[in-house]
Amino acid sequence: MDDLLALTASIPMFSGLTEPETRLLSEIAVKRDFQKAGVIFFEGEYCEGFYVVAGGQVKITKVSARGKEQILYVLEPGEPFGQLALYHGDAYPATAQALSKCTCLFFPRQAFLRLVSEVPTLPMKMLSFIARRHRELVRQLENIALKEVPERLAGYLLLLAKEQEGSETVTLPISKEQLSHLLGTSPETLSRVFAKMAEEGNISMEGKKVTIISRVDLEILSQGQV
């Protein structure tokens, strides 16, 4: 129980809860482990509850009728998923799959909804995360629909730099193949764009590490001004 309590307390979405409120949450939490590439739930499955990544990475995807995968999000520890269908008892709107060996906390739907009456601040905390996720999705759809691949990649690298404490050298959190799915392109096209950026002196690469040489040029490129 102490392990579950510590994991629950570490979730940013639940920050600000009192220790007794956090303990109530931890008492309904179930720790689940998944191997790399393990499916956590499929799109269309009935929503039995929501998850929070406790360790490792999870990708949320949509797959077309022709089998083409589009990554919507890559989730890191502390991030929730599956909560959109929670209140309506609806089906999960996308598929969740482990990108690496990972651990998740599962919060059963009925037990969580009963807990809401005892911890009335929970819905508002979840709503703020849902709103942020919605903004991210709108931005991604805009990028795919309105921007070319070099613009998308430049924007992604700048976002990584911001997330990784403003460092000029960033580490790609996912493989290049997965990144191509996230950016709505093919691995071959993505490789060509990386190579061209390096050739033009905007970046240098070594494995998953990308060093931003000219932040100004990337900013201009991300805005489609080249």
C-alpha atoms as a PDB file:
ATOM      1  CA  MET A   1       0.000   0.000   0.000  1.00  0.00           C
ATOM      2  CA  ASP A   2       2.867   2.397   0.793  1.00  0.00           C
ATOM      3  CA  ASP A   3       4.234   1.812  -2.708  1.00  0.00           C
ATOM      4  CA  LEU A   4       0.856   2.661  -4.259  1.00  0.00           C
ATOM      5  CA  LEU A   5       0.524   5.698  -2.015  1.00  0.00           C
ATOM      6  CA  ALA A   6       3.937   7.004  -3.078  1.00  0.00           C
ATOM      7  CA  LEU A   7       3.169   6.432  -6.768  1.00  0.00           C
ATOM      8  CA  THR A   8      -0.228   8.129  -6.471  1.00  0.00           C
ATOM      9  CA  ALA A   9       1.275  11.097  -4.635  1.00  0.00           C
ATOM     10  CA  SER A  10       3.848  11.547  -7.427  1.00  0.00           C
ATOM     11  CA  ILE A  11       1.179  12.075 -10.125  1.00  0.00           C
ATOM     12  CA  PRO A  12       1.090  15.798 -11.088  1.00  0.00           C
ATOM     13  CA  MET A  13      -2.644  15.660 -11.826  1.00  0.00           C
ATOM     14  CA  PHE A  14      -3.262  14.862  -8.156  1.00  0.00           C
ATOM     15  CA  SER A  15      -0.921  17.502  -6.732  1.00  0.00           C
ATOM     16  CA  GLY A  16      -2.548  19.632  -4.087  1.00  0.00           C
ATOM     17  CA  LEU A  17      -4.653  16.817  -2.653  1.00  0.00           C
ATOM     18  CA  THR A  18      -4.394  16.243   1.071  1.00  0.00           C
ATOM     19  CA  GLU A  19      -2.649  13.137   2.373  1.00  0.00           C
ATOM     20  CA  PRO A  20      -5.979  11.477   3.325  1.00  0.00           C
ATOM     21  CA  GLU A  21      -7.391  12.239  -0.166  1.00  0.00           C
ATOM     22  CA  THR A  22      -4.289  10.821  -1.834  1.00  0.00           C
ATOM     23  CA  ARG A  23      -4.543   7.723   0.361  1.00  0.00           C
ATOM     24  CA  LEU A  24      -8.157   7.203  -0.733  1.00  0.00           C
ATOM     25  CA  LEU A  25      -7.001   7.303  -4.362  1.00  0.00           C
ATOM     26  CA  SER A  26      -4.160   4.882  -3.723  1.00  0.00           C
ATOM     27  CA  GLU A  27      -6.598   2.412  -2.127  1.00  0.00           C
ATOM     28  CA  ILE A  28      -8.479   1.988  -5.422  1.00  0.00           C
ATOM     29  CA  ALA A  29      -5.359   2.013  -7.625  1.00  0.00           C
ATOM     30  CA  VAL A  30      -4.090  -1.164  -9.254  1.00  0.00           C
ATOM     31  CA  LYS A  31      -0.497  -1.423 -10.464  1.00  0.00           C
ATOM     32  CA  ARG A  32      -0.182  -3.085 -13.871  1.00  0.00           C
ATOM     33  CA  ASP A  33       3.023  -3.962 -15.709  1.00  0.00           C
ATOM     34  CA  PHE A  34       3.310  -4.194 -19.503  1.00  0.00           C
ATOM     35  CA  GLN A  35       6.054  -5.513 -21.743  1.00  0.00           C
ATOM     36  CA  LYS A  36       7.342  -3.455 -24.673  1.00  0.00           C
ATOM     37  CA  ALA A  37       4.725  -3.353 -27.479  1.00  0.00           C
ATOM     38  CA  GLY A  38       2.087  -4.724 -25.111  1.00  0.00           C
ATOM     39  CA  VAL A  39      -1.404  -3.355 -25.796  1.00  0.00           C
ATOM     40  CA  ILE A  40      -2.973  -1.707 -22.762  1.00  0.00           C
ATOM     41  CA  PHE A  41      -6.331  -1.251 -24.460  1.00  0.00           C
ATOM     42  CA  PHE A  42      -7.660  -1.151 -27.997  1.00  0.00           C
ATOM     43  CA  GLU A  43      -9.727   1.588 -29.586  1.00  0.00           C
ATOM     44  CA  GLY A  44     -13.393   0.651 -29.206  1.00  0.00           C
ATOM     45  CA  GLU A  45     -12.961  -1.360 -25.991  1.00  0.00           C
ATOM     46  CA  TYR A  46     -15.363  -0.486 -23.186  1.00  0.00           C
ATOM     47  CA  CYS A  47     -13.812   2.000 -20.755  1.00  0.00           C
ATOM     48  CA  GLU A  48     -13.384   0.194 -17.445  1.00  0.00           C
ATOM     49  CA  GLY A  49     -11.230   2.961 -15.995  1.00  0.00           C
ATOM     50  CA  PHE A  50      -8.265   5.190 -16.723  1.00  0.00           C
ATOM     51  CA  TYR A  51      -4.510   4.834 -16.387  1.00  0.00           C
ATOM     52  CA  VAL A  52      -1.526   6.890 -15.346  1.00  0.00           C
ATOM     53  CA  VAL A  53       1.992   6.095 -16.538  1.00  0.00           C
ATOM     54  CA  ALA A  54       4.151   5.262 -13.507  1.00  0.00           C
ATOM     55  CA  GLY A  55       7.278   4.190 -15.399  1.00  0.00           C
ATOM     56  CA  GLY A  56       8.334   3.819 -19.028  1.00  0.00           C
ATOM     57  CA  GLN A  57       6.506   5.253 -22.029  1.00  0.00           C
ATOM     58  CA  VAL A  58       3.078   4.733 -23.598  1.00  0.00           C
ATOM     59  CA  LYS A  59       1.897   5.760 -27.043  1.00  0.00           C
ATOM     60  CA  ILE A  60      -1.695   6.638 -27.918  1.00  0.00           C
ATOM     61  CA  THR A  61      -2.531   5.856 -31.528  1.00  0.00           C
ATOM     62  CA  LYS A  62      -5.258   5.768 -34.159  1.00  0.00           C
ATOM     63  CA  VAL A  63      -5.073   3.206 -36.956  1.00  0.00           C
ATOM     64  CA  SER A  64      -6.771   3.685 -40.318  1.00  0.00           C
ATOM     65  CA  ALA A  65      -8.764   0.990 -42.117  1.00  0.00           C
ATOM     66  CA  ARG A  66      -5.672   0.415 -44.266  1.00  0.00           C
ATOM     67  CA  GLY A  67      -3.512  -0.145 -41.207  1.00  0.00           C
ATOM     68  CA  LYS A  68      -1.688   3.207 -41.205  1.00  0.00           C
ATOM     69  CA  GLU A  69      -0.783   4.273 -37.681  1.00  0.00           C
ATOM     70  CA  GLN A  70      -0.917   7.876 -36.456  1.00  0.00           C
ATOM     71  CA  ILE A  71       0.630   8.535 -33.059  1.00  0.00           C
ATOM     72  CA  LEU A  72      -1.402  11.118 -31.164  1.00  0.00           C
ATOM     73  CA  TYR A  73       0.680  11.316 -27.997  1.00  0.00           C
ATOM     74  CA  VAL A  74       3.759   9.826 -26.392  1.00  0.00           C
ATOM     75  CA  LEU A  75       3.204   9.741 -22.647  1.00  0.00           C
ATOM     76  CA  GLU A  76       5.854   9.924 -19.944  1.00  0.00           C
ATOM     77  CA  PRO A  77       5.615   9.003 -16.233  1.00  0.00           C
ATOM     78  CA  GLY A  78       2.931  10.990 -14.424  1.00  0.00           C
ATOM     79  CA  GLU A  79       0.659  11.444 -17.442  1.00  0.00           C
ATOM     80  CA  PRO A  80      -2.909  10.065 -17.471  1.00  0.00           C
ATOM     81  CA  PHE A  81      -4.693   8.412 -20.393  1.00  0.00           C
ATOM     82  CA  GLY A  82      -8.038   6.794 -21.077  1.00  0.00           C
ATOM     83  CA  GLN A  83      -9.882   9.358 -18.982  1.00  0.00           C
ATOM     84  CA  LEU A  84     -11.876  10.932 -21.836  1.00  0.00           C
ATOM     85  CA  ALA A  85     -14.458   8.131 -21.825  1.00  0.00           C
ATOM     86  CA  LEU A  86     -14.529   7.865 -18.045  1.00  0.00           C
ATOM     87  CA  TYR A  87     -17.697   9.780 -17.213  1.00  0.00           C
ATOM     88  CA  HIS A  88     -19.821   8.549 -20.096  1.00  0.00           C
ATOM     89  CA  GLY A  89     -18.975   4.875 -19.713  1.00  0.00           C
ATOM     90  CA  ASP A  90     -18.060   4.999 -23.382  1.00  0.00           C
ATOM     91  CA  ALA A  91     -15.465   3.137 -25.441  1.00  0.00           C
ATOM     92  CA  TYR A  92     -11.807   4.157 -25.516  1.00  0.00           C
ATOM     93  CA  PRO A  93     -11.370   6.510 -28.515  1.00  0.00           C
ATOM     94  CA  ALA A  94      -7.833   5.313 -29.362  1.00  0.00           C
ATOM     95  CA  THR A  95      -5.379   2.487 -28.720  1.00  0.00           C
ATOM     96  CA  ALA A  96      -2.790   2.588 -25.931  1.00  0.00           C
ATOM     97  CA  GLN A  97       0.404   0.573 -26.292  1.00  0.00           C
ATOM     98  CA  ALA A  98       3.623   0.331 -24.291  1.00  0.00           C
ATOM     99  CA  LEU A  99       6.598   1.882 -26.088  1.00  0.00           C
ATOM    100  CA  SER A 100       8.922   0.271 -23.581  1.00  0.00           C
ATOM    101  CA  LYS A 101       8.550  -1.997 -20.597  1.00  0.00           C
ATOM    102  CA  CYS A 102       6.306   0.102 -18.409  1.00  0.00           C
ATOM    103  CA  THR A 103       4.240   0.284 -15.254  1.00  0.00           C
ATOM    104  CA  CYS A 104       0.851   1.969 -15.058  1.00  0.00           C
ATOM    105  CA  LEU A 105      -1.587   2.724 -12.279  1.00  0.00           C
ATOM    106  CA  PHE A 106      -5.131   1.723 -13.180  1.00  0.00           C
ATOM    107  CA  PHE A 107      -8.097   3.489 -11.530  1.00  0.00           C
ATOM    108  CA  PRO A 108     -11.353   1.514 -11.962  1.00  0.00           C
ATOM    109  CA  ARG A 109     -14.206   3.612 -13.290  1.00  0.00           C
ATOM    110  CA  GLN A 110     -16.917   2.817 -10.741  1.00  0.00           C
ATOM    111  CA  ALA A 111     -14.608   3.082  -7.724  1.00  0.00           C
ATOM    112  CA  PHE A 112     -13.214   6.396  -8.994  1.00  0.00           C
ATOM    113  CA  LEU A 113     -16.666   7.890  -9.623  1.00  0.00           C
ATOM    114  CA  ARG A 114     -17.723   6.918  -6.089  1.00  0.00           C
ATOM    115  CA  LEU A 115     -14.593   8.619  -4.779  1.00  0.00           C
ATOM    116  CA  VAL A 116     -15.476  11.876  -6.551  1.00  0.00           C
ATOM    117  CA  SER A 117     -18.202  12.528  -3.972  1.00  0.00           C
ATOM    118  CA  GLU A 118     -15.572  12.370  -1.222  1.00  0.00           C
ATOM    119  CA  VAL A 119     -12.919  14.346  -3.129  1.00  0.00           C
ATOM    120  CA  PRO A 120     -14.899  16.933  -5.169  1.00  0.00           C
ATOM    121  CA  THR A 121     -11.744  18.656  -6.478  1.00  0.00           C
ATOM    122  CA  LEU A 122     -10.804  15.588  -8.558  1.00  0.00           C
ATOM    123  CA  PRO A 123     -12.975  16.403 -11.632  1.00  0.00           C
ATOM    124  CA  MET A 124     -11.488  19.900 -11.954  1.00  0.00           C
ATOM    125  CA  LYS A 125      -7.949  18.562 -11.716  1.00  0.00           C
ATOM    126  CA  MET A 126      -8.702  16.046 -14.455  1.00  0.00           C
ATOM    127  CA  LEU A 127     -10.413  18.691 -16.589  1.00  0.00           C
ATOM    128  CA  SER A 128      -7.287  20.851 -16.646  1.00  0.00           C
ATOM    129  CA  PHE A 129      -5.271  17.913 -18.011  1.00  0.00           C
ATOM    130  CA  ILE A 130      -7.944  17.116 -20.592  1.00  0.00           C
ATOM    131  CA  ALA A 131      -7.950  20.756 -21.742  1.00  0.00           C
ATOM    132  CA  ARG A 132      -4.161  20.728 -22.136  1.00  0.00           C
ATOM    133  CA  ARG A 133      -4.301  17.464 -24.082  1.00  0.00           C
ATOM    134  CA  HIS A 134      -6.980  18.935 -26.353  1.00  0.00           C
ATOM    135  CA  ARG A 135      -4.773  21.938 -27.115  1.00  0.00           C
ATOM    136  CA  GLU A 136      -1.877  19.605 -27.960  1.00  0.00           C
ATOM    137  CA  LEU A 137      -4.057  17.570 -30.314  1.00  0.00           C
ATOM    138  CA  VAL A 138      -5.390  20.669 -32.082  1.00  0.00           C
ATOM    139  CA  ARG A 139      -1.813  21.907 -32.560  1.00  0.00           C
ATOM    140  CA  GLN A 140      -0.736  18.540 -33.939  1.00  0.00           C
ATOM    141  CA  LEU A 141      -3.657  18.353 -36.364  1.00  0.00           C
ATOM    142  CA  GLU A 142      -2.862  21.882 -37.511  1.00  0.00           C
ATOM    143  CA  ASN A 143       0.766  20.908 -38.080  1.00  0.00           C
ATOM    144  CA  ILE A 144      -0.160  17.846 -40.129  1.00  0.00           C
ATOM    145  CA  ALA A 145      -2.814  19.643 -42.172  1.00  0.00           C
ATOM    146  CA  LEU A 146      -1.123  22.992 -42.764  1.00  0.00           C
ATOM    147  CA  LYS A 147       2.626  22.535 -42.407  1.00  0.00           C
ATOM    148  CA  GLU A 148       5.273  20.737 -44.413  1.00  0.00           C
ATOM    149  CA  VAL A 149       7.451  18.061 -42.792  1.00  0.00           C
ATOM    150  CA  PRO A 150      10.503  20.346 -42.239  1.00  0.00           C
ATOM    151  CA  GLU A 151       8.271  22.832 -40.390  1.00  0.00           C
ATOM    152  CA  ARG A 152       6.780  20.072 -38.237  1.00  0.00           C
ATOM    153  CA  LEU A 153      10.193  18.653 -37.359  1.00  0.00           C
ATOM    154  CA  ALA A 154      11.675  22.061 -36.557  1.00  0.00           C
ATOM    155  CA  GLY A 155       8.760  22.819 -34.246  1.00  0.00           C
ATOM    156  CA  TYR A 156       9.103  19.428 -32.574  1.00  0.00           C
ATOM    157  CA  LEU A 157      12.829  19.900 -31.909  1.00  0.00           C
ATOM    158  CA  LEU A 158      12.216  23.349 -30.427  1.00  0.00           C
ATOM    159  CA  LEU A 159       9.492  21.907 -28.200  1.00  0.00           C
ATOM    160  CA  LEU A 160      11.872  19.163 -27.035  1.00  0.00           C
ATOM    161  CA  ALA A 161      14.513  21.768 -26.221  1.00  0.00           C
ATOM    162  CA  LYS A 162      11.975  23.652 -24.116  1.00  0.00           C
ATOM    163  CA  GLU A 163      10.844  20.487 -22.334  1.00  0.00           C
ATOM    164  CA  GLN A 164      14.432  19.352 -21.723  1.00  0.00           C
ATOM    165  CA  GLU A 165      15.351  22.448 -19.708  1.00  0.00           C
ATOM    166  CA  GLY A 166      16.269  24.616 -22.675  1.00  0.00           C
ATOM    167  CA  SER A 167      19.222  22.445 -23.634  1.00  0.00           C
ATOM    168  CA  GLU A 168      20.763  22.867 -27.074  1.00  0.00           C
ATOM    169  CA  THR A 169      21.324  19.098 -27.211  1.00  0.00           C
ATOM    170  CA  VAL A 170      18.113  17.115 -26.953  1.00  0.00           C
ATOM    171  CA  THR A 171      17.468  13.389 -26.789  1.00  0.00           C
ATOM    172  CA  LEU A 172      14.705  11.981 -28.967  1.00  0.00           C
ATOM    173  CA  PRO A 173      12.357  10.158 -26.552  1.00  0.00           C
ATOM    174  CA  ILE A 174      11.151   7.777 -29.267  1.00  0.00           C
ATOM    175  CA  SER A 175      12.621   6.031 -32.299  1.00  0.00           C
ATOM    176  CA  LYS A 176      12.790   7.832 -35.642  1.00  0.00           C
ATOM    177  CA  GLU A 177      10.165   5.468 -37.024  1.00  0.00           C
ATOM    178  CA  GLN A 178       7.797   6.345 -34.184  1.00  0.00           C
ATOM    179  CA  LEU A 179       8.630  10.028 -34.620  1.00  0.00           C
ATOM    180  CA  SER A 180       7.656   9.799 -38.296  1.00  0.00           C
ATOM    181  CA  HIS A 181       4.249   8.455 -37.227  1.00  0.00           C
ATOM    182  CA  LEU A 182       3.913  11.250 -34.686  1.00  0.00           C
ATOM    183  CA  LEU A 183       4.684  13.885 -37.330  1.00  0.00           C
ATOM    184  CA  GLY A 184       2.434  12.297 -39.937  1.00  0.00           C
ATOM    185  CA  THR A 185       5.104  11.340 -42.472  1.00  0.00           C
ATOM    186  CA  SER A 186       7.167   8.349 -43.589  1.00  0.00           C
ATOM    187  CA  PRO A 187      10.473   7.244 -42.000  1.00  0.00           C
ATOM    188  CA  GLU A 188      12.236   7.813 -45.334  1.00  0.00           C
ATOM    189  CA  THR A 189      10.976  11.389 -45.636  1.00  0.00           C
ATOM    190  CA  LEU A 190      11.893  12.130 -42.033  1.00  0.00           C
ATOM    191  CA  SER A 191      15.432  10.827 -42.583  1.00  0.00           C
ATOM    192  CA  ARG A 192      15.819  13.078 -45.623  1.00  0.00           C
ATOM    193  CA  VAL A 193      14.626  16.122 -43.660  1.00  0.00           C
ATOM    194  CA  PHE A 194      17.032  15.360 -40.795  1.00  0.00           C
ATOM    195  CA  ALA A 195      19.877  14.990 -43.311  1.00  0.00           C
ATOM    196  CA  LYS A 196      19.021  18.279 -45.011  1.00  0.00           C
ATOM    197  CA  MET A 197      18.862  20.147 -41.680  1.00  0.00           C
ATOM    198  CA  ALA A 198      22.298  18.754 -40.802  1.00  0.00           C
ATOM    199  CA  GLU A 199      23.674  19.620 -44.258  1.00  0.00           C
ATOM    200  CA  GLU A 200      22.424  23.201 -43.908  1.00  0.00           C
ATOM    201  CA  GLY A 201      24.124  23.520 -40.525  1.00  0.00           C
ATOM    202  CA  ASN A 202      20.976  23.858 -38.434  1.00  0.00           C
ATOM    203  CA  ILE A 203      21.536  20.674 -36.406  1.00  0.00           C
ATOM    204  CA  SER A 204      24.001  17.857 -35.848  1.00  0.00           C
ATOM    205  CA  MET A 205      23.050  14.310 -34.918  1.00  0.00           C
ATOM    206  CA  GLU A 206      24.573  11.369 -33.097  1.00  0.00           C
ATOM    207  CA  GLY A 207      22.168   8.500 -32.550  1.00  0.00           C
ATOM    208  CA  LYS A 208      19.151   9.837 -30.662  1.00  0.00           C
ATOM    209  CA  LYS A 209      20.983  13.021 -29.635  1.00  0.00           C
ATOM    210  CA  VAL A 210      20.280  16.130 -31.712  1.00  0.00           C
ATOM    211  CA  THR A 211      22.264  19.316 -31.172  1.00  0.00           C
ATOM    212  CA  ILE A 212      20.565  22.520 -32.239  1.00  0.00           C
ATOM    213  CA  ILE A 213      23.239  24.652 -33.899  1.00  0.00           C
ATOM    214  CA  SER A 214      21.016  27.475 -35.137  1.00  0.00           C
ATOM    215  CA  ARG A 215      17.938  27.969 -32.990  1.00  0.00           C
ATOM    216  CA  VAL A 216      17.005  31.099 -34.959  1.00  0.00           C
ATOM    217  CA  ASP A 217      16.948  29.200 -38.255  1.00  0.00           C
ATOM    218  CA  LEU A 218      14.817  26.447 -36.710  1.00  0.00           C
ATOM    219  CA  GLU A 219      12.376  29.013 -35.371  1.00  0.00           C
ATOM    220  CA  ILE A 220      12.086  30.611 -38.810  1.00  0.00           C
ATOM    221  CA  LEU A 221      11.637  27.197 -40.424  1.00  0.00           C
ATOM    222  CA  SER A 222       8.997  26.127 -37.887  1.00  0.00           C
ATOM    223  CA  GLN A 223       6.940  29.186 -38.821  1.00  0.00           C
ATOM    224  CA  GLY A 224       7.109  28.387 -42.525  1.00  0.00           C
ATOM    225  CA  GLN A 225       9.121  31.487 -43.368  1.00  0.00           C
ATOM    226  CA  VAL A 226      11.777  29.720 -45.445  1.00  0.00           C
END
